Amino acid sequence: MLASVSLDVLEGPQAGVTYRLTVPGACTIGRASDCDFALVGSASERTISRHHCRLEATADDARIWDLDSCNGTYVNGDLVGKRPVHFAIAREGHSGDGRVLLHGDIIHVAGVRLRVTITHELLESEPAAERSTVHLDRHIPQGAMSW
């Protein structure tokens, strides 16, 4: 199960900053002040849409959607989505299944590069006293097995 998702800013004016998302949770990334992760302060800021992309994390996985941005959202160089050329009506939210994010993926939002870090909850193993023991019913005569 996912415990948290972090985005480390590798390139851009906020390089070195880490954004953390608890699970379950969601965040919007863009240049608007109402974004959870506001990417501001650079010449490339004008190429970042106000509400550029959305990241959602559940116990099962983390996914990213492009919110019809002008310049698109990329994961490991692959286009996740962007505004169609003849875009006329603004839509709220996102559609489709989104792109599943994996530990170490690189997200590109205009001139900003973010590295995805995913941590998982450790599953507690059963205490030794409660573990099942397997017993053999058959008796194997000594010397009958050869290695």
N, C-alpha and C. Protein backbone atom coordinates (compact mmCIF):
# COMPACT_ATOMS: atom_id res chain seq x y z
N MET A 1 0.83 -1.19 0.00
CA MET A 1 0.00 0.00 0.00
C MET A 1 0.88 1.25 0.00
N LEU A 2 0.45 2.24 -0.78
CA LEU A 2 1.18 3.50 -0.82
C LEU A 2 1.01 4.24 0.49
N ALA A 3 2.09 4.82 0.98
CA ALA A 3 2.04 5.63 2.19
C ALA A 3 2.12 7.11 1.86
N SER A 4 3.00 7.47 0.89
CA SER A 4 3.13 8.87 0.50
C SER A 4 3.75 8.95 -0.88
N VAL A 5 3.54 10.12 -1.49
CA VAL A 5 4.13 10.42 -2.79
C VAL A 5 4.82 11.77 -2.63
N SER A 6 6.08 11.85 -3.06
CA SER A 6 6.83 13.11 -3.01
C SER A 6 7.25 13.50 -4.41
N LEU A 7 7.26 14.79 -4.66
CA LEU A 7 7.76 15.34 -5.92
C LEU A 7 8.95 16.22 -5.58
N ASP A 8 10.13 15.83 -6.04
CA ASP A 8 11.35 16.61 -5.83
C ASP A 8 11.57 17.47 -7.06
N VAL A 9 11.69 18.78 -6.87
CA VAL A 9 11.93 19.68 -7.99
C VAL A 9 13.42 19.58 -8.36
N LEU A 10 13.69 19.04 -9.55
CA LEU A 10 15.06 18.85 -10.01
C LEU A 10 15.55 20.03 -10.82
N GLU A 11 14.63 20.65 -11.57
CA GLU A 11 15.00 21.74 -12.46
C GLU A 11 13.90 22.78 -12.43
N GLY A 12 14.29 24.04 -12.35
CA GLY A 12 13.33 25.13 -12.28
C GLY A 12 13.71 26.03 -11.11
N PRO A 13 13.02 27.14 -10.95
CA PRO A 13 13.39 28.10 -9.90
C PRO A 13 13.23 27.55 -8.48
N GLN A 14 12.44 26.50 -8.31
CA GLN A 14 12.26 25.92 -6.98
C GLN A 14 13.08 24.64 -6.81
N ALA A 15 14.14 24.48 -7.59
CA ALA A 15 14.99 23.29 -7.49
C ALA A 15 15.41 23.07 -6.05
N GLY A 16 15.31 21.82 -5.61
CA GLY A 16 15.65 21.47 -4.25
C GLY A 16 14.45 21.38 -3.32
N VAL A 17 13.31 21.91 -3.75
CA VAL A 17 12.09 21.86 -2.95
C VAL A 17 11.43 20.50 -3.15
N THR A 18 10.86 19.96 -2.08
CA THR A 18 10.12 18.70 -2.15
C THR A 18 8.68 18.94 -1.73
N TYR A 19 7.77 18.51 -2.59
CA TYR A 19 6.34 18.56 -2.28
C TYR A 19 5.92 17.17 -1.85
N ARG A 20 5.17 17.06 -0.75
CA ARG A 20 4.72 15.77 -0.26
C ARG A 20 3.20 15.68 -0.31
N LEU A 21 2.73 14.52 -0.72
CA LEU A 21 1.29 14.25 -0.80
C LEU A 21 1.00 13.02 0.04
N THR A 22 0.11 13.17 1.02
CA THR A 22 -0.26 12.01 1.83
C THR A 22 -1.31 11.19 1.07
N VAL A 23 -1.42 9.95 1.46
CA VAL A 23 -2.34 9.02 0.79
C VAL A 23 -3.48 8.69 1.74
N PRO A 24 -4.74 8.72 1.34
CA PRO A 24 -5.19 9.17 0.03
C PRO A 24 -5.15 10.68 -0.04
N GLY A 25 -4.97 11.19 -1.26
CA GLY A 25 -4.91 12.63 -1.43
C GLY A 25 -4.81 13.01 -2.88
N ALA A 26 -4.95 14.30 -3.13
CA ALA A 26 -4.88 14.83 -4.48
C ALA A 26 -4.30 16.23 -4.42
N CYS A 27 -3.67 16.65 -5.51
CA CYS A 27 -3.14 18.00 -5.58
C CYS A 27 -3.18 18.49 -7.02
N THR A 28 -3.28 19.80 -7.15
CA THR A 28 -3.23 20.44 -8.46
C THR A 28 -1.89 21.15 -8.56
N ILE A 29 -1.27 21.02 -9.74
CA ILE A 29 0.03 21.64 -10.01
C ILE A 29 -0.18 22.67 -11.11
N GLY A 30 0.34 23.88 -10.91
CA GLY A 30 0.22 24.93 -11.91
C GLY A 30 0.78 26.23 -11.37
N ARG A 31 0.48 27.34 -12.06
CA ARG A 31 1.02 28.63 -11.62
C ARG A 31 0.03 29.48 -10.84
N ALA A 32 -1.23 29.04 -10.75
CA ALA A 32 -2.24 29.81 -10.01
C ALA A 32 -1.99 29.72 -8.50
N SER A 33 -2.37 30.76 -7.80
CA SER A 33 -2.15 30.79 -6.36
C SER A 33 -2.99 29.76 -5.61
N ASP A 34 -4.09 29.28 -6.23
CA ASP A 34 -4.92 28.29 -5.55
C ASP A 34 -4.46 26.85 -5.82
N CYS A 35 -3.36 26.67 -6.54
CA CYS A 35 -2.81 25.32 -6.75
C CYS A 35 -2.16 24.84 -5.47
N ASP A 36 -2.21 23.54 -5.25
CA ASP A 36 -1.56 22.97 -4.07
C ASP A 36 -0.04 23.09 -4.19
N PHE A 37 0.49 22.84 -5.40
CA PHE A 37 1.91 23.00 -5.68
C PHE A 37 2.03 24.06 -6.75
N ALA A 38 2.28 25.30 -6.35
CA ALA A 38 2.36 26.42 -7.28
C ALA A 38 3.79 26.55 -7.80
N LEU A 39 3.95 26.39 -9.12
CA LEU A 39 5.25 26.49 -9.77
C LEU A 39 5.38 27.89 -10.34
N VAL A 40 6.06 28.76 -9.62
CA VAL A 40 6.16 30.16 -10.02
C VAL A 40 7.60 30.65 -9.92
N GLY A 41 7.84 31.82 -10.55
CA GLY A 41 9.11 32.49 -10.35
C GLY A 41 10.16 32.27 -11.41
N SER A 42 9.77 31.95 -12.64
CA SER A 42 10.79 31.75 -13.67
C SER A 42 10.28 32.29 -15.00
N ALA A 43 11.19 32.38 -15.95
CA ALA A 43 10.82 32.80 -17.30
C ALA A 43 9.87 31.78 -17.93
N SER A 44 10.01 30.51 -17.54
CA SER A 44 9.14 29.47 -18.09
C SER A 44 7.76 29.48 -17.44
N GLU A 45 7.57 30.34 -16.44
CA GLU A 45 6.30 30.38 -15.74
C GLU A 45 5.13 30.62 -16.70
N ARG A 46 5.35 31.44 -17.74
CA ARG A 46 4.27 31.73 -18.68
C ARG A 46 3.87 30.51 -19.50
N THR A 47 4.73 29.50 -19.57
CA THR A 47 4.40 28.28 -20.32
C THR A 47 3.70 27.25 -19.44
N ILE A 48 3.58 27.53 -18.16
CA ILE A 48 2.86 26.66 -17.22
C ILE A 48 1.43 27.17 -17.13
N SER A 49 0.47 26.30 -17.35
CA SER A 49 -0.93 26.71 -17.27
C SER A 49 -1.31 26.99 -15.81
N ARG A 50 -2.36 27.78 -15.64
CA ARG A 50 -2.80 28.10 -14.27
C ARG A 50 -3.10 26.83 -13.49
N HIS A 51 -3.83 25.91 -14.07
CA HIS A 51 -4.10 24.60 -13.48
C HIS A 51 -3.59 23.59 -14.51
N HIS A 52 -2.35 23.22 -14.38
CA HIS A 52 -1.64 22.46 -15.42
C HIS A 52 -1.94 20.96 -15.37
N CYS A 53 -1.79 20.36 -14.20
CA CYS A 53 -2.04 18.92 -14.09
C CYS A 53 -2.51 18.59 -12.68
N ARG A 54 -3.01 17.37 -12.53
CA ARG A 54 -3.53 16.92 -11.23
C ARG A 54 -2.94 15.56 -10.91
N LEU A 55 -2.53 15.40 -9.68
CA LEU A 55 -1.98 14.14 -9.20
C LEU A 55 -2.91 13.62 -8.12
N GLU A 56 -3.26 12.34 -8.21
CA GLU A 56 -4.09 11.70 -7.18
C GLU A 56 -3.39 10.44 -6.70
N ALA A 57 -3.42 10.22 -5.40
CA ALA A 57 -2.79 9.04 -4.81
C ALA A 57 -3.82 8.31 -3.96
N THR A 58 -3.92 7.01 -4.19
CA THR A 58 -4.77 6.14 -3.38
C THR A 58 -3.86 5.08 -2.77
N ALA A 59 -4.44 4.19 -2.00
CA ALA A 59 -3.65 3.12 -1.41
C ALA A 59 -3.06 2.21 -2.50
N ASP A 60 -3.71 2.17 -3.67
CA ASP A 60 -3.27 1.29 -4.75
C ASP A 60 -2.21 1.89 -5.65
N ASP A 61 -2.37 3.17 -6.04
CA ASP A 61 -1.40 3.76 -6.96
C ASP A 61 -1.49 5.28 -6.96
N ALA A 62 -0.57 5.88 -7.70
CA ALA A 62 -0.56 7.33 -7.91
C ALA A 62 -0.73 7.56 -9.41
N ARG A 63 -1.55 8.54 -9.76
CA ARG A 63 -1.83 8.83 -11.18
C ARG A 63 -1.75 10.33 -11.42
N ILE A 64 -1.46 10.67 -12.67
CA ILE A 64 -1.40 12.07 -13.07
C ILE A 64 -2.27 12.28 -14.31
N TRP A 65 -2.92 13.43 -14.34
CA TRP A 65 -3.74 13.84 -15.48
C TRP A 65 -3.31 15.23 -15.90
N ASP A 66 -3.28 15.48 -17.18
CA ASP A 66 -3.10 16.83 -17.69
C ASP A 66 -4.48 17.50 -17.67
N LEU A 67 -4.51 18.75 -17.27
CA LEU A 67 -5.79 19.48 -17.17
C LEU A 67 -5.96 20.40 -18.37
N ASP A 68 -5.77 19.83 -19.56
CA ASP A 68 -5.89 20.59 -20.81
C ASP A 68 -4.95 21.79 -20.83
N SER A 69 -3.70 21.56 -20.41
CA SER A 69 -2.71 22.63 -20.42
C SER A 69 -2.31 22.97 -21.85
N CYS A 70 -1.78 24.17 -22.03
CA CYS A 70 -1.34 24.60 -23.37
C CYS A 70 -0.13 23.81 -23.86
N ASN A 71 0.81 23.52 -22.98
CA ASN A 71 2.08 22.92 -23.39
C ASN A 71 2.24 21.46 -23.00
N GLY A 72 1.25 20.89 -22.37
CA GLY A 72 1.27 19.46 -22.06
C GLY A 72 2.02 19.10 -20.80
N THR A 73 1.76 17.88 -20.35
CA THR A 73 2.43 17.27 -19.21
C THR A 73 3.09 16.01 -19.72
N TYR A 74 4.34 15.79 -19.33
CA TYR A 74 5.10 14.64 -19.81
C TYR A 74 5.59 13.82 -18.62
N VAL A 75 5.60 12.50 -18.78
CA VAL A 75 6.18 11.59 -17.80
C VAL A 75 7.21 10.75 -18.54
N ASN A 76 8.46 10.86 -18.12
CA ASN A 76 9.57 10.15 -18.77
C ASN A 76 9.60 10.41 -20.28
N GLY A 77 9.28 11.63 -20.67
CA GLY A 77 9.31 12.02 -22.07
C GLY A 77 8.06 11.70 -22.86
N ASP A 78 7.12 10.96 -22.27
CA ASP A 78 5.87 10.60 -22.95
C ASP A 78 4.78 11.62 -22.61
N LEU A 79 4.08 12.09 -23.63
CA LEU A 79 3.01 13.06 -23.43
C LEU A 79 1.84 12.40 -22.71
N VAL A 80 1.43 12.99 -21.59
CA VAL A 80 0.26 12.52 -20.85
C VAL A 80 -0.99 13.15 -21.43
N GLY A 81 -0.89 14.42 -21.81
CA GLY A 81 -2.02 15.13 -22.40
C GLY A 81 -1.73 16.60 -22.52
N LYS A 82 -2.53 17.27 -23.34
CA LYS A 82 -2.47 18.72 -23.48
C LYS A 82 -3.73 19.19 -24.16
N ARG A 83 -3.93 20.48 -24.16
CA ARG A 83 -5.12 21.09 -24.75
C ARG A 83 -5.14 20.84 -26.26
N PRO A 84 -6.29 20.43 -26.78
CA PRO A 84 -6.40 20.27 -28.24
C PRO A 84 -6.19 21.61 -28.94
N VAL A 85 -5.73 21.57 -30.18
CA VAL A 85 -5.44 22.79 -30.94
C VAL A 85 -6.67 23.68 -31.04
N HIS A 86 -7.84 23.12 -31.31
CA HIS A 86 -9.07 23.91 -31.45
C HIS A 86 -9.91 23.82 -30.19
N PHE A 87 -9.31 24.11 -29.07
CA PHE A 87 -9.97 24.03 -27.77
C PHE A 87 -10.86 25.26 -27.60
N ALA A 88 -12.14 25.07 -27.39
CA ALA A 88 -13.06 26.20 -27.30
C ALA A 88 -13.71 26.34 -25.93
N ILE A 89 -14.01 25.23 -25.27
CA ILE A 89 -14.74 25.29 -24.01
C ILE A 89 -13.88 24.72 -22.89
N ALA A 90 -13.71 25.49 -21.84
CA ALA A 90 -12.92 25.02 -20.71
C ALA A 90 -13.68 23.92 -19.99
N ARG A 91 -12.96 22.87 -19.60
CA ARG A 91 -13.58 21.77 -18.86
C ARG A 91 -13.08 21.79 -17.43
N GLU A 92 -13.92 21.34 -16.55
CA GLU A 92 -13.52 21.18 -15.15
C GLU A 92 -13.09 19.75 -14.93
N GLY A 93 -12.09 19.55 -14.11
CA GLY A 93 -11.65 18.20 -13.77
C GLY A 93 -10.85 17.56 -14.88
N HIS A 94 -10.85 16.24 -14.90
CA HIS A 94 -10.06 15.50 -15.87
C HIS A 94 -10.87 14.31 -16.33
N SER A 95 -10.41 13.72 -17.42
CA SER A 95 -11.11 12.55 -17.93
C SER A 95 -10.11 11.43 -18.15
N GLY A 96 -10.61 10.24 -18.37
CA GLY A 96 -9.74 9.10 -18.62
C GLY A 96 -9.19 8.51 -17.34
N ASP A 97 -8.30 7.55 -17.53
CA ASP A 97 -7.73 6.83 -16.40
C ASP A 97 -6.46 7.46 -15.86
N GLY A 98 -5.93 8.45 -16.55
CA GLY A 98 -4.69 9.06 -16.11
C GLY A 98 -3.50 8.15 -16.36
N ARG A 99 -2.34 8.63 -16.04
CA ARG A 99 -1.09 7.88 -16.22
C ARG A 99 -0.62 7.42 -14.85
N VAL A 100 -0.39 6.13 -14.68
CA VAL A 100 0.12 5.61 -13.41
C VAL A 100 1.56 6.07 -13.24
N LEU A 101 1.88 6.57 -12.06
CA LEU A 101 3.23 7.00 -11.75
C LEU A 101 3.96 5.92 -10.97
N LEU A 102 5.22 5.76 -11.29
CA LEU A 102 6.07 4.79 -10.60
C LEU A 102 7.20 5.52 -9.90
N HIS A 103 7.78 4.88 -8.90
CA HIS A 103 8.91 5.44 -8.18
C HIS A 103 10.04 5.76 -9.17
N GLY A 104 10.53 6.98 -9.14
CA GLY A 104 11.62 7.38 -10.01
C GLY A 104 11.19 8.04 -11.31
N ASP A 105 9.89 8.05 -11.62
CA ASP A 105 9.42 8.72 -12.83
C ASP A 105 9.79 10.20 -12.79
N ILE A 106 9.98 10.78 -13.99
CA ILE A 106 10.28 12.20 -14.11
C ILE A 106 9.11 12.87 -14.82
N ILE A 107 8.52 13.87 -14.15
CA ILE A 107 7.42 14.65 -14.70
C ILE A 107 7.99 15.96 -15.23
N HIS A 108 7.60 16.33 -16.47
CA HIS A 108 7.98 17.62 -17.05
C HIS A 108 6.74 18.49 -17.17
N VAL A 109 6.78 19.65 -16.55
CA VAL A 109 5.73 20.65 -16.65
C VAL A 109 6.42 21.92 -17.13
N ALA A 110 6.32 22.19 -18.44
CA ALA A 110 7.03 23.31 -19.06
C ALA A 110 8.52 23.19 -18.73
N GLY A 111 9.13 24.18 -18.11
CA GLY A 111 10.56 24.12 -17.81
C GLY A 111 10.89 23.53 -16.45
N VAL A 112 9.94 22.90 -15.83
CA VAL A 112 10.14 22.33 -14.48
C VAL A 112 10.17 20.82 -14.58
N ARG A 113 11.20 20.22 -13.93
CA ARG A 113 11.32 18.76 -13.87
C ARG A 113 11.12 18.30 -12.44
N LEU A 114 10.25 17.31 -12.25
CA LEU A 114 9.94 16.78 -10.92
C LEU A 114 10.19 15.28 -10.90
N ARG A 115 10.88 14.80 -9.86
CA ARG A 115 11.09 13.36 -9.71
C ARG A 115 10.10 12.81 -8.70
N VAL A 116 9.46 11.69 -9.05
CA VAL A 116 8.46 11.05 -8.21
C VAL A 116 9.15 10.08 -7.25
N THR A 117 8.84 10.22 -5.97
CA THR A 117 9.31 9.26 -4.96
C THR A 117 8.07 8.69 -4.28
N ILE A 118 7.94 7.38 -4.34
CA ILE A 118 6.78 6.71 -3.74
C ILE A 118 7.27 5.84 -2.60
N THR A 119 6.64 6.01 -1.44
CA THR A 119 6.96 5.14 -0.30
C THR A 119 5.76 4.26 -0.03
N HIS A 120 6.04 3.05 0.38
CA HIS A 120 5.00 2.06 0.67
C HIS A 120 4.99 1.75 2.15
N GLU A 121 3.81 1.40 2.65
CA GLU A 121 3.70 0.95 4.04
C GLU A 121 4.29 -0.44 4.13
N LEU A 122 4.99 -0.71 5.21
CA LEU A 122 5.51 -2.05 5.43
C LEU A 122 4.41 -2.91 6.00
N LEU A 123 4.24 -4.05 5.43
CA LEU A 123 3.24 -4.98 5.96
C LEU A 123 3.86 -5.75 7.12
N GLU A 124 3.15 -5.77 8.22
CA GLU A 124 3.66 -6.49 9.38
C GLU A 124 3.53 -7.99 9.13
N SER A 125 4.62 -8.71 9.35
CA SER A 125 4.55 -10.16 9.19
C SER A 125 4.04 -10.78 10.50
N GLU A 126 3.54 -11.98 10.39
CA GLU A 126 3.01 -12.65 11.58
C GLU A 126 4.14 -12.92 12.57
N PRO A 127 3.85 -12.80 13.85
CA PRO A 127 4.87 -13.17 14.84
C PRO A 127 5.24 -14.65 14.67
N ALA A 128 6.45 -14.99 15.02
CA ALA A 128 6.96 -16.35 14.84
C ALA A 128 6.06 -17.40 15.50
N ALA A 129 5.49 -17.08 16.67
CA ALA A 129 4.66 -18.05 17.39
C ALA A 129 3.38 -18.38 16.64
N GLU A 130 2.91 -17.46 15.79
CA GLU A 130 1.66 -17.69 15.08
C GLU A 130 1.86 -18.27 13.68
N ARG A 131 3.10 -18.44 13.25
CA ARG A 131 3.35 -18.99 11.93
C ARG A 131 2.98 -20.46 11.88
N SER A 132 2.51 -20.86 10.74
CA SER A 132 2.15 -22.27 10.56
C SER A 132 3.40 -23.11 10.42
N THR A 133 3.31 -24.30 10.93
CA THR A 133 4.41 -25.26 10.80
C THR A 133 3.91 -26.44 9.98
N VAL A 134 4.72 -26.86 9.04
CA VAL A 134 4.34 -27.99 8.19
C VAL A 134 5.04 -29.23 8.73
N HIS A 135 4.27 -30.28 8.97
CA HIS A 135 4.82 -31.54 9.43
C HIS A 135 4.64 -32.59 8.35
N LEU A 136 5.65 -33.42 8.15
CA LEU A 136 5.55 -34.51 7.18
C LEU A 136 4.92 -35.71 7.84
N ASP A 137 3.96 -36.33 7.17
CA ASP A 137 3.29 -37.51 7.70
C ASP A 137 4.10 -38.78 7.46
N ARG A 138 4.85 -38.78 6.40
CA ARG A 138 5.58 -40.00 6.05
C ARG A 138 6.94 -40.03 6.70
N HIS A 139 7.35 -41.20 7.04
CA HIS A 139 8.69 -41.39 7.58
C HIS A 139 9.60 -41.80 6.42
N ILE A 140 10.66 -41.06 6.24
CA ILE A 140 11.62 -41.39 5.18
C ILE A 140 12.80 -42.08 5.86
N PRO A 141 13.09 -43.36 5.47
CA PRO A 141 14.20 -44.07 6.10
C PRO A 141 15.51 -43.34 5.90
N GLN A 142 16.31 -43.38 6.92
CA GLN A 142 17.61 -42.74 6.88
C GLN A 142 18.44 -43.33 5.75
N GLY A 143 19.09 -42.51 4.99
CA GLY A 143 19.91 -42.97 3.88
C GLY A 143 19.14 -43.12 2.59
N ALA A 144 17.80 -42.94 2.62
CA ALA A 144 17.00 -43.10 1.41
C ALA A 144 17.13 -41.90 0.50
N MET A 145 17.49 -40.74 1.02
CA MET A 145 17.64 -39.54 0.20
C MET A 145 19.09 -39.34 -0.12
N SER A 146 19.39 -39.04 -1.34
CA SER A 146 20.78 -38.75 -1.73
C SER A 146 20.84 -37.36 -2.32
N TRP A 147 21.86 -36.69 -2.04
CA TRP A 147 22.04 -35.33 -2.55
C TRP A 147 23.04 -35.40 -3.63
